[in-house]
């Protein structure tokens, strides 16, 4: 019997059901409080702001194509350079703002020590944007 009287005639012990009415009362009180306080939280000062249109000034970094042939010849943007020349060019490129991106193209038959030397020189000069260019069609 869900709703019994004050006397327990059956003698089966305490009522184990949860009384939901106090919980519902608390939820209704909280709902009323939120309904009343919500318009107060959106209080703002109305200001007539001027209208302006502007485009962001995005400066794209320069891209440097650094190619290394199988015989170890190095090309800076399709111009042949020696070790001293690419080191000085890397040092001047590191000073530019924004820093240029270096796209490293190395021949597949090139010894890795040449690529590692170029990477070490770029890091020593302060260049941090270095990417490897590959040919995805050759991987098939």
N, C-alpha and C. Protein backbone atom coordinates (compact mmCIF):
# COMPACT_ATOMS: atom_id res chain seq x y z
N UNK A 1 0.85 -1.16 0.00
CA UNK A 1 0.00 0.00 0.00
C UNK A 1 0.89 1.22 0.00
N UNK A 2 0.80 2.03 -1.06
CA UNK A 2 1.69 3.16 -1.24
C UNK A 2 1.36 4.31 -0.32
N UNK A 3 0.09 4.61 -0.14
CA UNK A 3 -0.31 5.73 0.71
C UNK A 3 -1.10 5.18 1.89
N UNK A 4 -0.41 4.96 2.95
CA UNK A 4 -1.08 4.40 4.12
C UNK A 4 -1.42 5.49 5.12
N UNK A 5 -2.13 5.16 6.09
CA UNK A 5 -2.50 6.10 7.14
C UNK A 5 -1.36 6.26 8.13
N UNK A 6 -1.67 6.88 9.26
CA UNK A 6 -0.65 7.08 10.28
C UNK A 6 -0.39 5.83 11.08
N UNK A 7 -1.31 4.95 11.07
CA UNK A 7 -1.11 3.71 11.82
C UNK A 7 -0.64 2.62 10.88
N UNK A 8 0.19 1.82 11.39
CA UNK A 8 0.74 0.73 10.60
C UNK A 8 0.11 -0.56 11.11
N UNK A 9 -1.00 -0.95 10.50
CA UNK A 9 -1.72 -2.12 10.97
C UNK A 9 -1.09 -3.42 10.48
N UNK A 10 -0.42 -3.36 9.35
CA UNK A 10 0.13 -4.59 8.79
C UNK A 10 1.34 -5.05 9.58
N UNK A 11 2.04 -4.13 10.23
CA UNK A 11 3.18 -4.50 11.04
C UNK A 11 4.38 -4.89 10.22
N UNK A 12 4.48 -4.37 8.97
CA UNK A 12 5.58 -4.76 8.10
C UNK A 12 6.78 -3.80 8.19
N UNK A 13 6.86 -2.93 9.13
CA UNK A 13 8.04 -2.08 9.33
C UNK A 13 7.87 -0.69 8.73
N UNK A 14 9.00 -0.03 8.54
CA UNK A 14 9.01 1.34 8.04
C UNK A 14 8.66 1.40 6.55
N UNK A 15 8.20 2.57 6.13
CA UNK A 15 7.87 2.81 4.72
C UNK A 15 9.18 3.10 4.00
N UNK A 16 9.54 2.33 2.99
CA UNK A 16 10.83 2.45 2.30
C UNK A 16 10.74 3.30 1.04
N UNK A 17 9.66 3.99 0.81
CA UNK A 17 9.50 4.80 -0.39
C UNK A 17 10.09 6.20 -0.16
N UNK A 18 10.62 6.80 -1.24
CA UNK A 18 11.19 8.14 -1.15
C UNK A 18 10.07 9.15 -1.31
N UNK A 19 10.08 10.14 -0.45
CA UNK A 19 9.08 11.19 -0.53
C UNK A 19 9.59 12.24 -1.51
N UNK A 20 8.99 12.37 -2.69
CA UNK A 20 9.45 13.26 -3.76
C UNK A 20 8.96 14.69 -3.61
N UNK A 21 7.98 14.94 -2.82
CA UNK A 21 7.38 16.27 -2.73
C UNK A 21 8.38 17.34 -2.26
N UNK A 22 9.19 17.11 -1.23
CA UNK A 22 10.17 18.15 -0.86
C UNK A 22 11.20 18.41 -1.97
N UNK A 23 11.58 17.37 -2.70
CA UNK A 23 12.53 17.57 -3.79
C UNK A 23 11.92 18.42 -4.91
N UNK A 24 10.66 18.17 -5.22
CA UNK A 24 9.98 18.95 -6.25
C UNK A 24 9.81 20.39 -5.80
N UNK A 25 9.53 20.61 -4.52
CA UNK A 25 9.40 21.96 -4.00
C UNK A 25 10.71 22.73 -4.13
N UNK A 26 11.81 22.09 -3.83
CA UNK A 26 13.12 22.75 -3.94
C UNK A 26 13.42 23.08 -5.39
N UNK A 27 13.12 22.18 -6.32
CA UNK A 27 13.36 22.43 -7.73
C UNK A 27 12.51 23.58 -8.24
N UNK A 28 11.27 23.69 -7.81
CA UNK A 28 10.40 24.79 -8.23
C UNK A 28 10.90 26.13 -7.68
N UNK A 29 11.36 26.13 -6.44
CA UNK A 29 11.92 27.36 -5.86
C UNK A 29 13.17 27.78 -6.64
N UNK A 30 14.06 26.85 -6.98
CA UNK A 30 15.25 27.19 -7.77
C UNK A 30 14.87 27.70 -9.15
N UNK A 31 13.86 27.10 -9.77
CA UNK A 31 13.40 27.55 -11.07
C UNK A 31 12.88 28.99 -11.01
N UNK A 32 12.12 29.31 -10.00
CA UNK A 32 11.62 30.68 -9.84
C UNK A 32 12.77 31.65 -9.62
N UNK A 33 13.75 31.25 -8.83
CA UNK A 33 14.91 32.13 -8.58
C UNK A 33 15.65 32.39 -9.88
N UNK A 34 15.89 31.37 -10.70
CA UNK A 34 16.59 31.56 -11.97
C UNK A 34 15.77 32.39 -12.95
N UNK A 35 14.46 32.23 -12.96
CA UNK A 35 13.62 33.03 -13.84
C UNK A 35 13.68 34.51 -13.46
N UNK A 36 13.73 34.78 -12.17
CA UNK A 36 13.78 36.17 -11.71
C UNK A 36 15.15 36.78 -11.94
N UNK A 37 16.24 36.03 -11.70
CA UNK A 37 17.59 36.62 -11.78
C UNK A 37 18.17 36.62 -13.19
N UNK A 38 17.66 35.83 -14.10
CA UNK A 38 18.22 35.77 -15.46
C UNK A 38 18.16 37.12 -16.19
N UNK A 39 17.07 37.87 -16.15
CA UNK A 39 17.09 39.17 -16.83
C UNK A 39 18.07 40.17 -16.20
N UNK A 40 18.35 40.02 -14.93
CA UNK A 40 19.30 40.93 -14.27
C UNK A 40 20.74 40.67 -14.70
N UNK A 41 21.03 39.45 -15.12
CA UNK A 41 22.39 39.10 -15.52
C UNK A 41 22.74 39.63 -16.91
N UNK A 42 21.73 39.94 -17.71
CA UNK A 42 21.99 40.43 -19.07
C UNK A 42 21.97 41.95 -19.14
N UNK A 43 22.14 42.60 -18.03
CA UNK A 43 22.15 44.06 -18.00
C UNK A 43 23.42 44.57 -18.68
N UNK A 44 23.27 45.43 -19.67
CA UNK A 44 24.41 45.97 -20.39
C UNK A 44 24.13 47.42 -20.75
N UNK A 45 25.21 48.18 -20.90
CA UNK A 45 25.10 49.56 -21.31
C UNK A 45 25.05 49.61 -22.82
N UNK A 46 24.07 50.29 -23.37
CA UNK A 46 23.95 50.39 -24.82
C UNK A 46 24.83 51.53 -25.31
N UNK A 47 25.73 51.21 -26.23
CA UNK A 47 26.65 52.18 -26.80
C UNK A 47 26.53 52.09 -28.31
N UNK A 48 26.45 53.23 -28.96
CA UNK A 48 26.38 53.26 -30.41
C UNK A 48 27.81 53.26 -30.95
N UNK A 49 28.29 52.11 -31.37
CA UNK A 49 29.66 51.97 -31.83
C UNK A 49 29.78 52.41 -33.29
N UNK A 50 30.89 53.00 -33.66
CA UNK A 50 31.07 53.39 -35.06
C UNK A 50 31.31 52.15 -35.93
N UNK A 51 30.89 52.25 -37.18
CA UNK A 51 31.05 51.16 -38.12
C UNK A 51 32.32 51.40 -38.94
N UNK A 52 33.15 50.39 -39.03
CA UNK A 52 34.37 50.47 -39.83
C UNK A 52 34.66 49.11 -40.42
N UNK A 53 35.21 49.13 -41.60
CA UNK A 53 35.60 47.86 -42.20
C UNK A 53 37.09 47.90 -42.48
N UNK A 54 37.74 46.84 -42.10
CA UNK A 54 39.18 46.76 -42.33
C UNK A 54 39.56 45.31 -42.63
N UNK A 55 40.57 45.16 -43.41
CA UNK A 55 41.07 43.84 -43.75
C UNK A 55 42.32 43.57 -42.93
N UNK A 56 42.46 42.38 -42.39
CA UNK A 56 43.68 42.07 -41.65
C UNK A 56 44.88 42.06 -42.60
N UNK A 57 45.97 42.57 -42.11
CA UNK A 57 47.19 42.63 -42.91
C UNK A 57 47.99 41.36 -42.66
N UNK A 58 47.74 40.38 -43.50
CA UNK A 58 48.44 39.10 -43.35
C UNK A 58 49.63 39.08 -44.29
N UNK A 59 50.79 38.94 -43.70
CA UNK A 59 52.02 38.88 -44.49
C UNK A 59 52.39 37.41 -44.61
N UNK A 60 52.37 36.91 -45.83
CA UNK A 60 52.73 35.52 -46.08
C UNK A 60 54.25 35.39 -46.03
N UNK A 61 54.74 34.37 -45.35
CA UNK A 61 56.19 34.19 -45.32
C UNK A 61 56.71 33.75 -46.69
N UNK A 62 57.93 34.14 -46.96
CA UNK A 62 58.59 33.77 -48.21
C UNK A 62 58.88 32.27 -48.19
N UNK A 63 58.86 31.66 -49.35
CA UNK A 63 59.19 30.24 -49.46
C UNK A 63 60.51 30.11 -50.20
N UNK A 64 61.44 29.42 -49.59
CA UNK A 64 62.75 29.20 -50.20
C UNK A 64 62.84 27.74 -50.62
N UNK A 65 63.10 27.52 -51.89
CA UNK A 65 63.27 26.17 -52.43
C UNK A 65 64.75 25.81 -52.34
N UNK A 66 65.09 24.88 -51.47
CA UNK A 66 66.47 24.45 -51.30
C UNK A 66 66.57 23.03 -51.84
N UNK A 67 67.26 22.86 -52.95
CA UNK A 67 67.36 21.56 -53.62
C UNK A 67 68.78 21.02 -53.51
N UNK A 68 68.86 19.70 -53.31
CA UNK A 68 70.16 19.04 -53.24
C UNK A 68 70.15 17.91 -54.25
N UNK A 69 71.10 17.92 -55.17
CA UNK A 69 71.19 16.87 -56.17
C UNK A 69 71.95 15.68 -55.61
N UNK A 70 71.96 14.59 -56.38
CA UNK A 70 72.61 13.35 -55.93
C UNK A 70 74.11 13.51 -55.74
N UNK A 71 74.72 14.42 -56.49
CA UNK A 71 76.17 14.61 -56.34
C UNK A 71 76.52 15.59 -55.22
N UNK A 72 75.52 16.13 -54.51
CA UNK A 72 75.76 17.03 -53.38
C UNK A 72 75.67 18.50 -53.74
N UNK A 73 75.37 18.83 -54.98
CA UNK A 73 75.23 20.23 -55.38
C UNK A 73 73.96 20.82 -54.77
N UNK A 74 74.08 22.01 -54.19
CA UNK A 74 72.97 22.67 -53.50
C UNK A 74 72.49 23.85 -54.34
N UNK A 75 71.16 24.00 -54.43
CA UNK A 75 70.56 25.09 -55.19
C UNK A 75 69.61 25.86 -54.27
N UNK A 76 69.80 27.16 -54.19
CA UNK A 76 68.95 28.07 -53.41
C UNK A 76 68.04 28.78 -54.40
N UNK A 77 66.76 28.42 -54.42
CA UNK A 77 65.80 28.96 -55.40
C UNK A 77 66.34 28.83 -56.82
N UNK A 78 66.78 27.62 -57.19
CA UNK A 78 67.28 27.27 -58.52
C UNK A 78 68.60 27.96 -58.87
N UNK A 79 69.29 28.50 -57.88
CA UNK A 79 70.60 29.13 -58.10
C UNK A 79 71.65 28.30 -57.35
N UNK A 80 72.67 27.85 -58.06
CA UNK A 80 73.70 27.02 -57.43
C UNK A 80 74.48 27.84 -56.41
N UNK A 81 74.66 27.26 -55.22
CA UNK A 81 75.40 27.94 -54.14
C UNK A 81 76.35 26.94 -53.50
N UNK A 82 77.40 27.47 -52.89
CA UNK A 82 78.31 26.61 -52.14
C UNK A 82 77.97 26.70 -50.65
N UNK A 83 78.73 26.00 -49.81
CA UNK A 83 78.40 25.91 -48.38
C UNK A 83 78.43 27.28 -47.70
N UNK A 84 79.42 28.10 -48.00
CA UNK A 84 79.51 29.41 -47.37
C UNK A 84 78.35 30.30 -47.80
N UNK A 85 77.93 30.20 -49.05
CA UNK A 85 76.84 31.05 -49.54
C UNK A 85 75.51 30.67 -48.91
N UNK A 86 75.22 29.35 -48.78
CA UNK A 86 73.93 29.01 -48.19
C UNK A 86 73.90 29.32 -46.71
N UNK A 87 75.05 29.26 -46.02
CA UNK A 87 75.08 29.60 -44.60
C UNK A 87 74.80 31.09 -44.39
N UNK A 88 75.39 31.95 -45.23
CA UNK A 88 75.13 33.39 -45.10
C UNK A 88 73.68 33.71 -45.49
N UNK A 89 73.16 33.03 -46.51
CA UNK A 89 71.77 33.27 -46.90
C UNK A 89 70.80 32.79 -45.82
N UNK A 90 71.13 31.70 -45.15
CA UNK A 90 70.29 31.23 -44.05
C UNK A 90 70.32 32.22 -42.89
N UNK A 91 71.48 32.78 -42.62
CA UNK A 91 71.58 33.76 -41.52
C UNK A 91 70.77 35.01 -41.82
N UNK A 92 70.80 35.49 -43.07
CA UNK A 92 70.00 36.67 -43.41
C UNK A 92 68.52 36.33 -43.46
N UNK A 93 68.16 35.11 -43.88
CA UNK A 93 66.76 34.71 -43.92
C UNK A 93 66.18 34.57 -42.51
N UNK A 94 67.02 34.16 -41.55
CA UNK A 94 66.56 34.00 -40.18
C UNK A 94 66.22 35.35 -39.54
N UNK A 95 66.80 36.44 -40.04
CA UNK A 95 66.54 37.77 -39.50
C UNK A 95 65.24 38.38 -40.03
N UNK A 96 64.67 37.82 -41.10
CA UNK A 96 63.46 38.37 -41.70
C UNK A 96 62.25 38.11 -40.80
N UNK A 97 61.29 39.04 -40.88
CA UNK A 97 60.04 38.87 -40.14
C UNK A 97 58.92 38.99 -41.15
N UNK A 98 58.07 38.02 -41.33
CA UNK A 98 58.09 36.69 -40.74
C UNK A 98 59.17 35.83 -41.37
N UNK A 99 59.59 34.87 -40.61
CA UNK A 99 60.67 34.00 -41.06
C UNK A 99 60.22 33.16 -42.26
N UNK A 100 61.06 33.03 -43.28
CA UNK A 100 60.66 32.26 -44.46
C UNK A 100 60.61 30.75 -44.18
N UNK A 101 59.84 30.08 -44.99
CA UNK A 101 59.78 28.61 -44.92
C UNK A 101 60.78 28.04 -45.91
N UNK A 102 61.51 27.03 -45.47
CA UNK A 102 62.46 26.37 -46.36
C UNK A 102 61.87 25.03 -46.78
N UNK A 103 61.72 24.86 -48.08
CA UNK A 103 61.24 23.59 -48.63
C UNK A 103 62.46 22.85 -49.16
N UNK A 104 62.81 21.77 -48.50
CA UNK A 104 64.01 21.01 -48.81
C UNK A 104 63.66 19.87 -49.76
N UNK A 105 64.28 19.90 -50.94
CA UNK A 105 64.10 18.85 -51.94
C UNK A 105 65.45 18.14 -52.09
N UNK A 106 65.49 16.90 -51.70
CA UNK A 106 66.73 16.14 -51.77
C UNK A 106 66.54 14.95 -52.71
N UNK A 107 67.54 14.66 -53.48
CA UNK A 107 67.52 13.52 -54.39
C UNK A 107 67.44 12.24 -53.56
N UNK A 108 66.74 11.25 -54.08
CA UNK A 108 66.58 9.98 -53.36
C UNK A 108 67.87 9.21 -53.20
N UNK A 109 68.83 9.41 -54.07
CA UNK A 109 70.10 8.69 -54.00
C UNK A 109 71.16 9.45 -53.21
N UNK A 110 70.79 10.57 -52.61
CA UNK A 110 71.73 11.40 -51.87
C UNK A 110 72.01 10.79 -50.50
N UNK A 111 73.24 10.86 -50.06
CA UNK A 111 73.59 10.38 -48.72
C UNK A 111 72.93 11.29 -47.68
N UNK A 112 72.44 10.69 -46.62
CA UNK A 112 71.70 11.44 -45.61
C UNK A 112 72.57 12.48 -44.92
N UNK A 113 73.87 12.30 -44.88
CA UNK A 113 74.74 13.26 -44.19
C UNK A 113 74.66 14.64 -44.83
N UNK A 114 74.39 14.72 -46.13
CA UNK A 114 74.26 16.02 -46.78
C UNK A 114 72.97 16.72 -46.30
N UNK A 115 71.90 15.96 -46.19
CA UNK A 115 70.63 16.52 -45.71
C UNK A 115 70.77 16.93 -44.25
N UNK A 116 71.43 16.10 -43.45
CA UNK A 116 71.63 16.43 -42.04
C UNK A 116 72.47 17.69 -41.88
N UNK A 117 73.46 17.88 -42.75
CA UNK A 117 74.31 19.07 -42.69
C UNK A 117 73.48 20.33 -42.98
N UNK A 118 72.62 20.27 -43.99
CA UNK A 118 71.75 21.40 -44.33
C UNK A 118 70.80 21.71 -43.16
N UNK A 119 70.23 20.66 -42.57
CA UNK A 119 69.32 20.86 -41.45
C UNK A 119 70.05 21.47 -40.25
N UNK A 120 71.25 21.01 -39.99
CA UNK A 120 72.03 21.55 -38.88
C UNK A 120 72.40 23.01 -39.13
N UNK A 121 72.75 23.35 -40.36
CA UNK A 121 73.07 24.75 -40.69
C UNK A 121 71.83 25.64 -40.55
N UNK A 122 70.68 25.14 -40.94
CA UNK A 122 69.45 25.92 -40.79
C UNK A 122 69.11 26.15 -39.32
N UNK A 123 69.29 25.12 -38.51
CA UNK A 123 69.02 25.26 -37.07
C UNK A 123 70.02 26.21 -36.42
N UNK A 124 71.28 26.12 -36.82
CA UNK A 124 72.30 27.01 -36.29
C UNK A 124 72.02 28.47 -36.66
N UNK A 125 71.47 28.69 -37.84
CA UNK A 125 71.16 30.05 -38.28
C UNK A 125 69.91 30.59 -37.59
N UNK A 126 69.08 29.71 -37.04
CA UNK A 126 67.87 30.15 -36.35
C UNK A 126 66.61 29.96 -37.14
N UNK A 127 66.66 29.23 -38.23
CA UNK A 127 65.47 28.94 -39.03
C UNK A 127 64.72 27.77 -38.41
N UNK A 128 63.43 27.94 -38.22
CA UNK A 128 62.65 26.88 -37.58
C UNK A 128 61.60 26.26 -38.48
N UNK A 129 61.31 26.87 -39.60
CA UNK A 129 60.29 26.35 -40.51
C UNK A 129 60.96 25.62 -41.67
N UNK A 130 61.11 24.32 -41.51
CA UNK A 130 61.80 23.51 -42.50
C UNK A 130 60.89 22.34 -42.87
N UNK A 131 60.64 22.17 -44.16
CA UNK A 131 59.78 21.09 -44.60
C UNK A 131 60.44 20.30 -45.71
N UNK A 132 60.10 19.02 -45.79
CA UNK A 132 60.64 18.15 -46.82
C UNK A 132 59.61 18.00 -47.93
N UNK A 133 60.07 18.13 -49.16
CA UNK A 133 59.20 17.98 -50.32
C UNK A 133 59.48 16.62 -50.94
N UNK A 134 58.40 15.84 -51.13
CA UNK A 134 58.54 14.52 -51.73
C UNK A 134 57.62 14.41 -52.93
N UNK A 135 57.82 13.37 -53.69
CA UNK A 135 56.98 13.11 -54.86
C UNK A 135 56.09 11.92 -54.52
N UNK A 136 54.79 12.13 -54.28
CA UNK A 136 53.94 11.00 -53.88
C UNK A 136 53.71 9.99 -54.99
N UNK A 137 53.91 10.39 -56.23
CA UNK A 137 53.70 9.46 -57.34
C UNK A 137 54.80 8.40 -57.40
N UNK A 138 55.99 8.72 -56.93
CA UNK A 138 57.12 7.78 -56.98
C UNK A 138 57.00 6.68 -55.93
N UNK A 139 56.15 6.82 -54.94
CA UNK A 139 56.03 5.84 -53.86
C UNK A 139 55.20 4.62 -54.25
N UNK A 140 54.62 4.61 -55.40
CA UNK A 140 53.76 3.49 -55.81
C UNK A 140 54.51 2.26 -56.12
